Amino acid sequence: MAILLMACSSAQIMKTSLRVTVLDELGNPVEGATIQVYTNDKDYRASTNPAVPMATTNAKGMVTIKDLDAKPYFLDVVKGDKDNRGAGYQTDVLQANRINKINIIIE
């Protein structure tokens, strides 16, 4: 019974996070891509008021952005001359107290 209580307790402590994997047009992970996260379309389009500091992907093309609210976000992803700006990217509403995962392709 103590183990069950500990499992429930740790689930409540987990913060809402977003794990982003950035891929190129061939599906390869992109290391060193920068990601800006915005809370609304207006800020996304103006590139102002990011929700969190800029994040950079690791060698596996991944980065985890922590301490977010359970709502949708707009992501701007750039690496050199490649980005996701043509289509933009809005997440679904993030699930609270979970690591939400998405893939973004940059071209």
C-alpha atoms as a PDB file:
ATOM      1  CA  MET A   1       0.000   0.000   0.000  1.00  0.00           C
ATOM      2  CA  ALA A   2       2.864   2.396   0.698  1.00  0.00           C
ATOM      3  CA  ILE A   3       4.173   1.881  -2.835  1.00  0.00           C
ATOM      4  CA  LEU A   4       0.811   2.825  -4.298  1.00  0.00           C
ATOM      5  CA  LEU A   5       0.731   6.029  -2.274  1.00  0.00           C
ATOM      6  CA  MET A   6       4.230   6.960  -3.429  1.00  0.00           C
ATOM      7  CA  ALA A   7       3.267   6.391  -7.077  1.00  0.00           C
ATOM      8  CA  CYS A   8       0.235   8.657  -6.746  1.00  0.00           C
ATOM      9  CA  SER A   9       2.267  11.276  -4.947  1.00  0.00           C
ATOM     10  CA  SER A  10       4.968  11.442  -7.623  1.00  0.00           C
ATOM     11  CA  ALA A  11       2.351  11.789 -10.380  1.00  0.00           C
ATOM     12  CA  GLN A  12       0.984  14.878  -8.678  1.00  0.00           C
ATOM     13  CA  ILE A  13       4.453  16.421  -8.465  1.00  0.00           C
ATOM     14  CA  MET A  14       5.230  16.002 -12.183  1.00  0.00           C
ATOM     15  CA  LYS A  15       5.051  19.308 -14.024  1.00  0.00           C
ATOM     16  CA  THR A  16       3.469  19.781 -17.421  1.00  0.00           C
ATOM     17  CA  SER A  17       6.251  19.557 -20.007  1.00  0.00           C
ATOM     18  CA  LEU A  18       6.658  19.504 -23.772  1.00  0.00           C
ATOM     19  CA  ARG A  19       9.275  17.254 -25.412  1.00  0.00           C
ATOM     20  CA  VAL A  20       9.981  18.531 -28.909  1.00  0.00           C
ATOM     21  CA  THR A  21      11.842  16.450 -31.493  1.00  0.00           C
ATOM     22  CA  VAL A  22      13.025  18.432 -34.514  1.00  0.00           C
ATOM     23  CA  LEU A  23      13.532  16.528 -37.766  1.00  0.00           C
ATOM     24  CA  ASP A  24      14.702  17.534 -41.231  1.00  0.00           C
ATOM     25  CA  GLU A  25      12.697  16.781 -44.383  1.00  0.00           C
ATOM     26  CA  LEU A  26      14.298  13.293 -44.525  1.00  0.00           C
ATOM     27  CA  GLY A  27      13.339  12.459 -40.944  1.00  0.00           C
ATOM     28  CA  ASN A  28      16.827  12.922 -39.481  1.00  0.00           C
ATOM     29  CA  PRO A  29      17.170  14.562 -36.039  1.00  0.00           C
ATOM     30  CA  VAL A  30      18.362  18.167 -36.121  1.00  0.00           C
ATOM     31  CA  GLU A  31      20.923  19.097 -33.469  1.00  0.00           C
ATOM     32  CA  GLY A  32      21.256  22.760 -32.484  1.00  0.00           C
ATOM     33  CA  ALA A  33      17.816  23.924 -33.652  1.00  0.00           C
ATOM     34  CA  THR A  34      16.460  26.784 -31.547  1.00  0.00           C
ATOM     35  CA  ILE A  35      12.891  26.760 -30.307  1.00  0.00           C
ATOM     36  CA  GLN A  36      10.876  29.744 -29.157  1.00  0.00           C
ATOM     37  CA  VAL A  37       7.583  29.073 -27.396  1.00  0.00           C
ATOM     38  CA  TYR A  38       4.721  31.565 -27.464  1.00  0.00           C
ATOM     39  CA  THR A  39       1.330  31.534 -25.738  1.00  0.00           C
ATOM     40  CA  ASN A  40      -0.639  33.178 -28.538  1.00  0.00           C
ATOM     41  CA  ASP A  41      -0.678  33.741 -32.286  1.00  0.00           C
ATOM     42  CA  LYS A  42      -0.077  37.496 -32.022  1.00  0.00           C
ATOM     43  CA  ASP A  43       3.179  37.066 -30.080  1.00  0.00           C
ATOM     44  CA  TYR A  44       4.229  34.201 -32.380  1.00  0.00           C
ATOM     45  CA  ARG A  45       3.777  36.321 -35.515  1.00  0.00           C
ATOM     46  CA  ALA A  46       5.564  39.322 -33.966  1.00  0.00           C
ATOM     47  CA  SER A  47       8.302  37.165 -32.343  1.00  0.00           C
ATOM     48  CA  THR A  48       7.722  38.928 -29.028  1.00  0.00           C
ATOM     49  CA  ASN A  49       7.003  37.865 -25.443  1.00  0.00           C
ATOM     50  CA  PRO A  50       8.210  34.242 -25.519  1.00  0.00           C
ATOM     51  CA  ALA A  51       6.632  32.103 -22.793  1.00  0.00           C
ATOM     52  CA  VAL A  52       9.966  30.566 -21.736  1.00  0.00           C
ATOM     53  CA  PRO A  53      13.649  31.146 -22.560  1.00  0.00           C
ATOM     54  CA  MET A  54      14.842  29.899 -25.957  1.00  0.00           C
ATOM     55  CA  ALA A  55      15.648  26.183 -26.007  1.00  0.00           C
ATOM     56  CA  THR A  56      18.146  24.296 -28.202  1.00  0.00           C
ATOM     57  CA  THR A  57      17.898  20.685 -29.376  1.00  0.00           C
ATOM     58  CA  ASN A  58      20.488  18.064 -28.399  1.00  0.00           C
ATOM     59  CA  ALA A  59      22.276  15.540 -30.647  1.00  0.00           C
ATOM     60  CA  LYS A  60      19.044  13.512 -30.895  1.00  0.00           C
ATOM     61  CA  GLY A  61      17.116  16.591 -32.064  1.00  0.00           C
ATOM     62  CA  MET A  62      15.246  16.749 -28.760  1.00  0.00           C
ATOM     63  CA  VAL A  63      14.592  19.293 -26.045  1.00  0.00           C
ATOM     64  CA  THR A  64      12.192  19.215 -23.103  1.00  0.00           C
ATOM     65  CA  ILE A  65      10.512  22.444 -22.077  1.00  0.00           C
ATOM     66  CA  LYS A  66       9.280  22.271 -18.498  1.00  0.00           C
ATOM     67  CA  ASP A  67       6.836  24.068 -16.207  1.00  0.00           C
ATOM     68  CA  LEU A  68       4.210  24.861 -18.823  1.00  0.00           C
ATOM     69  CA  ASP A  69       0.472  25.313 -18.395  1.00  0.00           C
ATOM     70  CA  ALA A  70      -2.048  22.862 -19.818  1.00  0.00           C
ATOM     71  CA  LYS A  71      -2.943  24.897 -22.901  1.00  0.00           C
ATOM     72  CA  PRO A  72      -1.841  25.171 -26.545  1.00  0.00           C
ATOM     73  CA  TYR A  73       1.420  26.875 -27.530  1.00  0.00           C
ATOM     74  CA  PHE A  74       2.927  28.256 -30.741  1.00  0.00           C
ATOM     75  CA  LEU A  75       6.446  27.086 -31.627  1.00  0.00           C
ATOM     76  CA  ASP A  76       9.019  28.789 -33.835  1.00  0.00           C
ATOM     77  CA  VAL A  77      11.843  26.400 -34.775  1.00  0.00           C
ATOM     78  CA  VAL A  78      14.979  27.523 -36.665  1.00  0.00           C
ATOM     79  CA  LYS A  79      18.309  25.975 -37.686  1.00  0.00           C
ATOM     80  CA  GLY A  80      20.324  27.947 -40.215  1.00  0.00           C
ATOM     81  CA  ASP A  81      18.118  28.575 -43.251  1.00  0.00           C
ATOM     82  CA  LYS A  82      15.582  25.900 -42.267  1.00  0.00           C
ATOM     83  CA  ASP A  83      12.488  26.567 -40.176  1.00  0.00           C
ATOM     84  CA  ASN A  84       8.816  25.743 -39.668  1.00  0.00           C
ATOM     85  CA  ARG A  85       7.588  29.270 -40.359  1.00  0.00           C
ATOM     86  CA  GLY A  86       5.704  28.600 -43.580  1.00  0.00           C
ATOM     87  CA  ALA A  87       3.110  26.541 -41.777  1.00  0.00           C
ATOM     88  CA  GLY A  88       3.794  27.684 -38.221  1.00  0.00           C
ATOM     89  CA  TYR A  89       3.104  25.254 -35.479  1.00  0.00           C
ATOM     90  CA  GLN A  90       0.471  25.249 -32.790  1.00  0.00           C
ATOM     91  CA  THR A  91       0.343  22.395 -30.313  1.00  0.00           C
ATOM     92  CA  ASP A  92      -2.800  20.759 -29.082  1.00  0.00           C
ATOM     93  CA  VAL A  93      -3.799  21.589 -25.521  1.00  0.00           C
ATOM     94  CA  LEU A  94      -1.040  20.072 -23.385  1.00  0.00           C
ATOM     95  CA  GLN A  95      -2.114  17.397 -20.945  1.00  0.00           C
ATOM     96  CA  ALA A  96      -1.482  18.533 -17.383  1.00  0.00           C
ATOM     97  CA  ASN A  97       1.195  16.825 -15.280  1.00  0.00           C
ATOM     98  CA  ARG A  98       2.583  14.858 -18.241  1.00  0.00           C
ATOM     99  CA  ILE A  99       5.433  15.002 -20.710  1.00  0.00           C
ATOM    100  CA  ASN A 100       3.669  15.889 -23.957  1.00  0.00           C
ATOM    101  CA  LYS A 101       5.598  14.850 -27.078  1.00  0.00           C
ATOM    102  CA  ILE A 102       5.596  16.344 -30.577  1.00  0.00           C
ATOM    103  CA  ASN A 103       7.718  16.137 -33.724  1.00  0.00           C
ATOM    104  CA  ILE A 104       8.387  19.206 -35.862  1.00  0.00           C
ATOM    105  CA  ILE A 105       9.831  19.045 -39.363  1.00  0.00           C
ATOM    106  CA  ILE A 106      11.862  21.976 -40.583  1.00  0.00           C
ATOM    107  CA  GLU A 107      12.544  22.692 -44.264  1.00  0.00           C
END
